[in-house]
Amino acid sequence: MRAKLSKKKQREFLVKVMQEVGSPSLFELSRRIDVNYSTMKNYFNGDRLFPKELYENLIKISGLKCRAEFVENNWGQIKGGKKGRRN
């Protein structure tokens, strides 16, 4: 499952988590929770959705109250071959 927030809300959520945890930067937060920095940048920019486990972990360590819509892991994918095959 993935936690779906709007791009703006996802960025605001991560900024609040960094403030609550006392992390000066996104890089430091990524090191603390053992997530690749480039992956954290993708979450911060709203390019990717949080995995449910990571989202719940961030809420737990920061103590924030935030609600998100949960979607399946394959949410947003299209079937392969739709673009490549032309009739």
PDB file of N, CA and C in Angstrom:
ATOM      1  N   MET A   1       0.841  -1.175   0.000  1.00  0.00           N
ATOM      2  CA  MET A   1       0.000   0.000   0.000  1.00  0.00           C
ATOM      3  C   MET A   1       0.894   1.248   0.000  1.00  0.00           C
ATOM      4  N   ARG A   2       0.347   2.309  -0.533  1.00  0.00           N
ATOM      5  CA  ARG A   2       1.059   3.582  -0.593  1.00  0.00           C
ATOM      6  C   ARG A   2       0.180   4.681  -0.005  1.00  0.00           C
ATOM      7  N   ALA A   3       0.817   5.659   0.620  1.00  0.00           N
ATOM      8  CA  ALA A   3       0.111   6.800   1.201  1.00  0.00           C
ATOM      9  C   ALA A   3       0.073   7.917   0.163  1.00  0.00           C
ATOM     10  N   LYS A   4      -1.136   8.337  -0.195  1.00  0.00           N
ATOM     11  CA  LYS A   4      -1.295   9.356  -1.227  1.00  0.00           C
ATOM     12  C   LYS A   4      -1.656  10.696  -0.591  1.00  0.00           C
ATOM     13  N   LEU A   5      -0.754  11.645  -0.749  1.00  0.00           N
ATOM     14  CA  LEU A   5      -0.977  13.036  -0.363  1.00  0.00           C
ATOM     15  C   LEU A   5      -0.761  13.880  -1.608  1.00  0.00           C
ATOM     16  N   SER A   6      -1.329  15.080  -1.639  1.00  0.00           N
ATOM     17  CA  SER A   6      -1.044  15.946  -2.782  1.00  0.00           C
ATOM     18  C   SER A   6       0.433  16.341  -2.735  1.00  0.00           C
ATOM     19  N   LYS A   7       0.974  16.780  -3.869  1.00  0.00           N
ATOM     20  CA  LYS A   7       2.394  17.130  -3.932  1.00  0.00           C
ATOM     21  C   LYS A   7       2.750  18.177  -2.881  1.00  0.00           C
ATOM     22  N   LYS A   8       1.898  19.188  -2.754  1.00  0.00           N
ATOM     23  CA  LYS A   8       2.156  20.259  -1.795  1.00  0.00           C
ATOM     24  C   LYS A   8       2.095  19.735  -0.364  1.00  0.00           C
ATOM     25  N   LYS A   9       1.095  18.909  -0.069  1.00  0.00           N
ATOM     26  CA  LYS A   9       0.939  18.359   1.283  1.00  0.00           C
ATOM     27  C   LYS A   9       2.088  17.418   1.627  1.00  0.00           C
ATOM     28  N   GLN A  10       2.574  16.670   0.652  1.00  0.00           N
ATOM     29  CA  GLN A  10       3.664  15.737   0.888  1.00  0.00           C
ATOM     30  C   GLN A  10       4.933  16.498   1.272  1.00  0.00           C
ATOM     31  N   ARG A  11       5.188  17.596   0.587  1.00  0.00           N
ATOM     32  CA  ARG A  11       6.352  18.433   0.895  1.00  0.00           C
ATOM     33  C   ARG A  11       6.199  19.046   2.288  1.00  0.00           C
ATOM     34  N   GLU A  12       5.009  19.591   2.580  1.00  0.00           N
ATOM     35  CA  GLU A  12       4.762  20.188   3.889  1.00  0.00           C
ATOM     36  C   GLU A  12       4.913  19.150   5.005  1.00  0.00           C
ATOM     37  N   PHE A  13       4.439  17.941   4.751  1.00  0.00           N
ATOM     38  CA  PHE A  13       4.539  16.872   5.735  1.00  0.00           C
ATOM     39  C   PHE A  13       6.001  16.571   6.052  1.00  0.00           C
ATOM     40  N   LEU A  14       6.843  16.447   5.032  1.00  0.00           N
ATOM     41  CA  LEU A  14       8.253  16.155   5.250  1.00  0.00           C
ATOM     42  C   LEU A  14       8.972  17.313   5.955  1.00  0.00           C
ATOM     43  N   VAL A  15       8.598  18.549   5.644  1.00  0.00           N
ATOM     44  CA  VAL A  15       9.198  19.704   6.319  1.00  0.00           C
ATOM     45  C   VAL A  15       8.846  19.668   7.800  1.00  0.00           C
ATOM     46  N   LYS A  16       7.583  19.363   8.131  1.00  0.00           N
ATOM     47  CA  LYS A  16       7.165  19.274   9.532  1.00  0.00           C
ATOM     48  C   LYS A  16       7.882  18.132  10.247  1.00  0.00           C
ATOM     49  N   VAL A  17       8.049  17.003   9.564  1.00  0.00           N
ATOM     50  CA  VAL A  17       8.769  15.873  10.161  1.00  0.00           C
ATOM     51  C   VAL A  17      10.206  16.282  10.469  1.00  0.00           C
ATOM     52  N   MET A  18      10.862  16.974   9.531  1.00  0.00           N
ATOM     53  CA  MET A  18      12.241  17.412   9.754  1.00  0.00           C
ATOM     54  C   MET A  18      12.326  18.360  10.957  1.00  0.00           C
ATOM     55  N   GLN A  19      11.340  19.248  11.111  1.00  0.00           N
ATOM     56  CA  GLN A  19      11.332  20.174  12.239  1.00  0.00           C
ATOM     57  C   GLN A  19      11.132  19.435  13.553  1.00  0.00           C
ATOM     58  N   GLU A  20      10.195  18.494  13.574  1.00  0.00           N
ATOM     59  CA  GLU A  20       9.896  17.767  14.805  1.00  0.00           C
ATOM     60  C   GLU A  20      11.048  16.876  15.238  1.00  0.00           C
ATOM     61  N   VAL A  21      11.733  16.269  14.282  1.00  0.00           N
ATOM     62  CA  VAL A  21      12.831  15.365  14.591  1.00  0.00           C
ATOM     63  C   VAL A  21      14.113  16.140  14.887  1.00  0.00           C
ATOM     64  N   GLY A  22      14.176  17.391  14.445  1.00  0.00           N
ATOM     65  CA  GLY A  22      15.376  18.199  14.647  1.00  0.00           C
ATOM     66  C   GLY A  22      16.426  17.958  13.589  1.00  0.00           C
ATOM     67  N   SER A  23      15.966  17.560  12.421  1.00  0.00           N
ATOM     68  CA  SER A  23      16.878  17.299  11.317  1.00  0.00           C
ATOM     69  C   SER A  23      17.064  18.587  10.513  1.00  0.00           C
ATOM     70  N   PRO A  24      18.311  19.022  10.310  1.00  0.00           N
ATOM     71  CA  PRO A  24      18.538  20.277   9.592  1.00  0.00           C
ATOM     72  C   PRO A  24      18.306  20.185   8.076  1.00  0.00           C
ATOM     73  N   SER A  25      18.316  18.966   7.527  1.00  0.00           N
ATOM     74  CA  SER A  25      18.189  18.837   6.081  1.00  0.00           C
ATOM     75  C   SER A  25      17.508  17.520   5.713  1.00  0.00           C
ATOM     76  N   LEU A  26      17.098  17.443   4.477  1.00  0.00           N
ATOM     77  CA  LEU A  26      16.491  16.223   3.952  1.00  0.00           C
ATOM     78  C   LEU A  26      17.527  15.095   3.926  1.00  0.00           C
ATOM     79  N   PHE A  27      18.766  15.445   3.642  1.00  0.00           N
ATOM     80  CA  PHE A  27      19.844  14.459   3.619  1.00  0.00           C
ATOM     81  C   PHE A  27      20.016  13.806   4.994  1.00  0.00           C
ATOM     82  N   GLU A  28      20.011  14.621   6.023  1.00  0.00           N
ATOM     83  CA  GLU A  28      20.160  14.102   7.382  1.00  0.00           C
ATOM     84  C   GLU A  28      18.970  13.227   7.774  1.00  0.00           C
ATOM     85  N   LEU A  29      17.763  13.639   7.401  1.00  0.00           N
ATOM     86  CA  LEU A  29      16.574  12.825   7.683  1.00  0.00           C
ATOM     87  C   LEU A  29      16.664  11.483   6.977  1.00  0.00           C
ATOM     88  N   SER A  30      17.123  11.490   5.736  1.00  0.00           N
ATOM     89  CA  SER A  30      17.245  10.237   4.990  1.00  0.00           C
ATOM     90  C   SER A  30      18.258   9.300   5.651  1.00  0.00           C
ATOM     91  N   ARG A  31      19.313   9.849   6.210  1.00  0.00           N
ATOM     92  CA  ARG A  31      20.309   9.029   6.913  1.00  0.00           C
ATOM     93  C   ARG A  31      19.728   8.457   8.208  1.00  0.00           C
ATOM     94  N   ARG A  32      18.923   9.251   8.910  1.00  0.00           N
ATOM     95  CA  ARG A  32      18.350   8.801  10.182  1.00  0.00           C
ATOM     96  C   ARG A  32      17.359   7.659  10.011  1.00  0.00           C
ATOM     97  N   ILE A  33      16.587   7.705   8.932  1.00  0.00           N
ATOM     98  CA  ILE A  33      15.570   6.657   8.739  1.00  0.00           C
ATOM     99  C   ILE A  33      16.017   5.602   7.736  1.00  0.00           C
ATOM    100  N   ASP A  34      17.268   5.696   7.292  1.00  0.00           N
ATOM    101  CA  ASP A  34      17.876   4.696   6.416  1.00  0.00           C
ATOM    102  C   ASP A  34      17.130   4.528   5.093  1.00  0.00           C
ATOM    103  N   VAL A  35      16.909   5.668   4.426  1.00  0.00           N
ATOM    104  CA  VAL A  35      16.299   5.690   3.095  1.00  0.00           C
ATOM    105  C   VAL A  35      17.248   6.453   2.190  1.00  0.00           C
ATOM    106  N   ASN A  36      17.425   5.976   0.968  1.00  0.00           N
ATOM    107  CA  ASN A  36      18.310   6.609   0.000  1.00  0.00           C
ATOM    108  C   ASN A  36      17.916   8.079  -0.189  1.00  0.00           C
ATOM    109  N   TYR A  37      18.927   8.953  -0.273  1.00  0.00           N
ATOM    110  CA  TYR A  37      18.676  10.388  -0.399  1.00  0.00           C
ATOM    111  C   TYR A  37      17.899  10.729  -1.678  1.00  0.00           C
ATOM    112  N   SER A  38      18.240  10.115  -2.793  1.00  0.00           N
ATOM    113  CA  SER A  38      17.531  10.424  -4.047  1.00  0.00           C
ATOM    114  C   SER A  38      16.072   9.976  -3.962  1.00  0.00           C
ATOM    115  N   THR A  39      15.813   8.907  -3.242  1.00  0.00           N
ATOM    116  CA  THR A  39      14.424   8.467  -3.039  1.00  0.00           C
ATOM    117  C   THR A  39      13.683   9.488  -2.183  1.00  0.00           C
ATOM    118  N   MET A  40      14.346  10.008  -1.141  1.00  0.00           N
ATOM    119  CA  MET A  40      13.720  11.031  -0.298  1.00  0.00           C
ATOM    120  C   MET A  40      13.434  12.301  -1.096  1.00  0.00           C
ATOM    121  N   LYS A  41      14.335  12.659  -2.015  1.00  0.00           N
ATOM    122  CA  LYS A  41      14.082  13.829  -2.868  1.00  0.00           C
ATOM    123  C   LYS A  41      12.837  13.603  -3.726  1.00  0.00           C
ATOM    124  N   ASN A  42      12.675  12.378  -4.235  1.00  0.00           N
ATOM    125  CA  ASN A  42      11.485  12.070  -5.036  1.00  0.00           C
ATOM    126  C   ASN A  42      10.219  12.180  -4.198  1.00  0.00           C
ATOM    127  N   TYR A  43      10.272  11.741  -2.946  1.00  0.00           N
ATOM    128  CA  TYR A  43       9.119  11.904  -2.050  1.00  0.00           C
ATOM    129  C   TYR A  43       8.878  13.378  -1.768  1.00  0.00           C
ATOM    130  N   PHE A  44       9.945  14.132  -1.529  1.00  0.00           N
ATOM    131  CA  PHE A  44       9.846  15.549  -1.205  1.00  0.00           C
ATOM    132  C   PHE A  44       9.251  16.344  -2.363  1.00  0.00           C
ATOM    133  N   ASN A  45       9.635  16.012  -3.581  1.00  0.00           N
ATOM    134  CA  ASN A  45       9.119  16.705  -4.766  1.00  0.00           C
ATOM    135  C   ASN A  45       7.727  16.229  -5.165  1.00  0.00           C
ATOM    136  N   GLY A  46       7.266  15.146  -4.557  1.00  0.00           N
ATOM    137  CA  GLY A  46       5.947  14.615  -4.888  1.00  0.00           C
ATOM    138  C   GLY A  46       5.957  13.727  -6.115  1.00  0.00           C
ATOM    139  N   ASP A  47       7.143  13.301  -6.550  1.00  0.00           N
ATOM    140  CA  ASP A  47       7.238  12.443  -7.728  1.00  0.00           C
ATOM    141  C   ASP A  47       6.840  11.006  -7.417  1.00  0.00           C
ATOM    142  N   ARG A  48       6.984  10.603  -6.157  1.00  0.00           N
ATOM    143  CA  ARG A  48       6.636   9.242  -5.751  1.00  0.00           C
ATOM    144  C   ARG A  48       5.783   9.300  -4.489  1.00  0.00           C
ATOM    145  N   LEU A  49       4.996   8.257  -4.285  1.00  0.00           N
ATOM    146  CA  LEU A  49       4.178   8.152  -3.076  1.00  0.00           C
ATOM    147  C   LEU A  49       4.939   7.398  -1.998  1.00  0.00           C
ATOM    148  N   PHE A  50       4.648   7.731  -0.741  1.00  0.00           N
ATOM    149  CA  PHE A  50       5.277   7.033   0.382  1.00  0.00           C
ATOM    150  C   PHE A  50       4.770   5.600   0.473  1.00  0.00           C
ATOM    151  N   PRO A  51       5.653   4.635   0.725  1.00  0.00           N
ATOM    152  CA  PRO A  51       5.169   3.311   1.117  1.00  0.00           C
ATOM    153  C   PRO A  51       4.492   3.439   2.485  1.00  0.00           C
ATOM    154  N   LYS A  52       3.495   2.610   2.727  1.00  0.00           N
ATOM    155  CA  LYS A  52       2.723   2.693   3.967  1.00  0.00           C
ATOM    156  C   LYS A  52       3.617   2.565   5.195  1.00  0.00           C
ATOM    157  N   GLU A  53       4.584   1.646   5.159  1.00  0.00           N
ATOM    158  CA  GLU A  53       5.458   1.430   6.300  1.00  0.00           C
ATOM    159  C   GLU A  53       6.302   2.672   6.606  1.00  0.00           C
ATOM    160  N   LEU A  54       6.838   3.313   5.576  1.00  0.00           N
ATOM    161  CA  LEU A  54       7.643   4.514   5.768  1.00  0.00           C
ATOM    162  C   LEU A  54       6.780   5.650   6.301  1.00  0.00           C
ATOM    163  N   TYR A  55       5.587   5.815   5.753  1.00  0.00           N
ATOM    164  CA  TYR A  55       4.674   6.869   6.193  1.00  0.00           C
ATOM    165  C   TYR A  55       4.339   6.705   7.673  1.00  0.00           C
ATOM    166  N   GLU A  56       4.021   5.475   8.077  1.00  0.00           N
ATOM    167  CA  GLU A  56       3.686   5.213   9.478  1.00  0.00           C
ATOM    168  C   GLU A  56       4.902   5.415  10.378  1.00  0.00           C
ATOM    169  N   ASN A  57       6.090   5.066   9.891  1.00  0.00           N
ATOM    170  CA  ASN A  57       7.317   5.275  10.650  1.00  0.00           C
ATOM    171  C   ASN A  57       7.581   6.764  10.850  1.00  0.00           C
ATOM    172  N   LEU A  58       7.384   7.570   9.815  1.00  0.00           N
ATOM    173  CA  LEU A  58       7.591   9.015   9.923  1.00  0.00           C
ATOM    174  C   LEU A  58       6.615   9.639  10.911  1.00  0.00           C
ATOM    175  N   ILE A  59       5.375   9.176  10.901  1.00  0.00           N
ATOM    176  CA  ILE A  59       4.385   9.684  11.854  1.00  0.00           C
ATOM    177  C   ILE A  59       4.783   9.303  13.273  1.00  0.00           C
ATOM    178  N   LYS A  60       5.264   8.083  13.443  1.00  0.00           N
ATOM    179  CA  LYS A  60       5.639   7.601  14.773  1.00  0.00           C
ATOM    180  C   LYS A  60       6.830   8.381  15.345  1.00  0.00           C
ATOM    181  N   ILE A  61       7.872   8.605  14.541  1.00  0.00           N
ATOM    182  CA  ILE A  61       9.058   9.283  15.072  1.00  0.00           C
ATOM    183  C   ILE A  61       8.838  10.782  15.267  1.00  0.00           C
ATOM    184  N   SER A  62       7.899  11.373  14.522  1.00  0.00           N
ATOM    185  CA  SER A  62       7.674  12.814  14.634  1.00  0.00           C
ATOM    186  C   SER A  62       6.534  13.154  15.587  1.00  0.00           C
ATOM    187  N   GLY A  63       5.606  12.223  15.799  1.00  0.00           N
ATOM    188  CA  GLY A  63       4.462  12.490  16.662  1.00  0.00           C
ATOM    189  C   GLY A  63       3.396  13.348  16.002  1.00  0.00           C
ATOM    190  N   LEU A  64       3.453  13.508  14.698  1.00  0.00           N
ATOM    191  CA  LEU A  64       2.465  14.314  13.976  1.00  0.00           C
ATOM    192  C   LEU A  64       1.174  13.541  13.770  1.00  0.00           C
ATOM    193  N   LYS A  65       0.091  14.283  13.622  1.00  0.00           N
ATOM    194  CA  LYS A  65      -1.196  13.697  13.263  1.00  0.00           C
ATOM    195  C   LYS A  65      -1.488  14.120  11.830  1.00  0.00           C
ATOM    196  N   CYS A  66      -1.547  13.153  10.939  1.00  0.00           N
ATOM    197  CA  CYS A  66      -1.776  13.457   9.524  1.00  0.00           C
ATOM    198  C   CYS A  66      -2.549  12.302   8.902  1.00  0.00           C
ATOM    199  N   ARG A  67      -3.483  12.623   8.053  1.00  0.00           N
ATOM    200  CA  ARG A  67      -4.260  11.585   7.384  1.00  0.00           C
ATOM    201  C   ARG A  67      -3.901  11.539   5.910  1.00  0.00           C
ATOM    202  N   ALA A  68      -3.888  10.323   5.405  1.00  0.00           N
ATOM    203  CA  ALA A  68      -3.579  10.135   3.991  1.00  0.00           C
ATOM    204  C   ALA A  68      -4.513   9.068   3.431  1.00  0.00           C
ATOM    205  N   GLU A  69      -4.724   9.144   2.147  1.00  0.00           N
ATOM    206  CA  GLU A  69      -5.487   8.109   1.443  1.00  0.00           C
ATOM    207  C   GLU A  69      -4.501   7.011   1.070  1.00  0.00           C
ATOM    208  N   PHE A  70      -4.892   5.777   1.309  1.00  0.00           N
ATOM    209  CA  PHE A  70      -4.013   4.658   0.967  1.00  0.00           C
ATOM    210  C   PHE A  70      -4.500   4.012  -0.320  1.00  0.00           C
ATOM    211  N   VAL A  71      -3.559   3.808  -1.246  1.00  0.00           N
ATOM    212  CA  VAL A  71      -3.865   3.198  -2.543  1.00  0.00           C
ATOM    213  C   VAL A  71      -2.992   1.958  -2.711  1.00  0.00           C
ATOM    214  N   GLU A  72      -3.365   1.106  -3.630  1.00  0.00           N
ATOM    215  CA  GLU A  72      -2.611  -0.123  -3.887  1.00  0.00           C
ATOM    216  C   GLU A  72      -1.236   0.195  -4.474  1.00  0.00           C
ATOM    217  N   ASN A  73      -0.321  -0.749  -4.372  1.00  0.00           N
ATOM    218  CA  ASN A  73       1.043  -0.544  -4.872  1.00  0.00           C
ATOM    219  C   ASN A  73       1.090  -0.288  -6.371  1.00  0.00           C
ATOM    220  N   ASN A  74       0.164  -0.845  -7.119  1.00  0.00           N
ATOM    221  CA  ASN A  74       0.181  -0.674  -8.573  1.00  0.00           C
ATOM    222  C   ASN A  74      -0.657   0.520  -9.019  1.00  0.00           C
ATOM    223  N   TRP A  75      -1.016   1.405  -8.118  1.00  0.00           N
ATOM    224  CA  TRP A  75      -1.815   2.573  -8.457  1.00  0.00           C
ATOM    225  C   TRP A  75      -1.052   3.463  -9.425  1.00  0.00           C
ATOM    226  N   GLY A  76      -1.709   3.876 -10.504  1.00  0.00           N
ATOM    227  CA  GLY A  76      -1.108   4.786 -11.466  1.00  0.00           C
ATOM    228  C   GLY A  76      -0.347   4.119 -12.594  1.00  0.00           C
ATOM    229  N   GLN A  77      -0.193   2.818 -12.541  1.00  0.00           N
ATOM    230  CA  GLN A  77       0.519   2.127 -13.611  1.00  0.00           C
ATOM    231  C   GLN A  77      -0.436   1.867 -14.773  1.00  0.00           C
ATOM    232  N   ILE A  78       0.126   1.806 -15.976  1.00  0.00           N
ATOM    233  CA  ILE A  78      -0.654   1.421 -17.136  1.00  0.00           C
ATOM    234  C   ILE A  78      -0.090   0.117 -17.680  1.00  0.00           C
ATOM    235  N   LYS A  79      -0.913  -0.598 -18.367  1.00  0.00           N
ATOM    236  CA  LYS A  79      -0.466  -1.867 -18.924  1.00  0.00           C
ATOM    237  C   LYS A  79       0.619  -1.634 -19.952  1.00  0.00           C
ATOM    238  N   GLY A  80       1.656  -2.455 -19.905  1.00  0.00           N
ATOM    239  CA  GLY A  80       2.762  -2.324 -20.838  1.00  0.00           C
ATOM    240  C   GLY A  80       2.326  -2.596 -22.267  1.00  0.00           C
ATOM    241  N   GLY A  81       2.913  -1.893 -23.209  1.00  0.00           N
ATOM    242  CA  GLY A  81       2.645  -2.115 -24.601  1.00  0.00           C
ATOM    243  C   GLY A  81       1.594  -1.201 -25.194  1.00  0.00           C
ATOM    244  N   LYS A  82       0.910  -0.401 -24.392  1.00  0.00           N
ATOM    245  CA  LYS A  82      -0.120   0.488 -24.937  1.00  0.00           C
ATOM    246  C   LYS A  82       0.484   1.542 -25.850  1.00  0.00           C
ATOM    247  N   LYS A  83       1.635   2.114 -25.465  1.00  0.00           N
ATOM    248  CA  LYS A  83       2.247   3.153 -26.287  1.00  0.00           C
ATOM    249  C   LYS A  83       3.041   2.556 -27.450  1.00  0.00           C
ATOM    250  N   GLY A  84       3.732   1.468 -27.183  1.00  0.00           N
ATOM    251  CA  GLY A  84       4.651   0.912 -28.171  1.00  0.00           C
ATOM    252  C   GLY A  84       3.967   0.236 -29.344  1.00  0.00           C
ATOM    253  N   ARG A  85       2.796  -0.269 -29.135  1.00  0.00           N
ATOM    254  CA  ARG A  85       2.094  -0.987 -30.186  1.00  0.00           C
ATOM    255  C   ARG A  85       1.117  -0.063 -30.896  1.00  0.00           C
ATOM    256  N   ARG A  86       1.311   0.093 -32.176  1.00  0.00           N
ATOM    257  CA  ARG A  86       0.429   0.973 -32.960  1.00  0.00           C
ATOM    258  C   ARG A  86      -0.270   0.156 -34.029  1.00  0.00           C
ATOM    259  N   ASN A  87      -1.552   0.347 -34.149  1.00  0.00           N
ATOM    260  CA  ASN A  87      -2.335  -0.375 -35.180  1.00  0.00           C
ATOM    261  C   ASN A  87      -2.645   0.524 -36.340  1.00  0.00           C
TER     262      ASN A  87
END
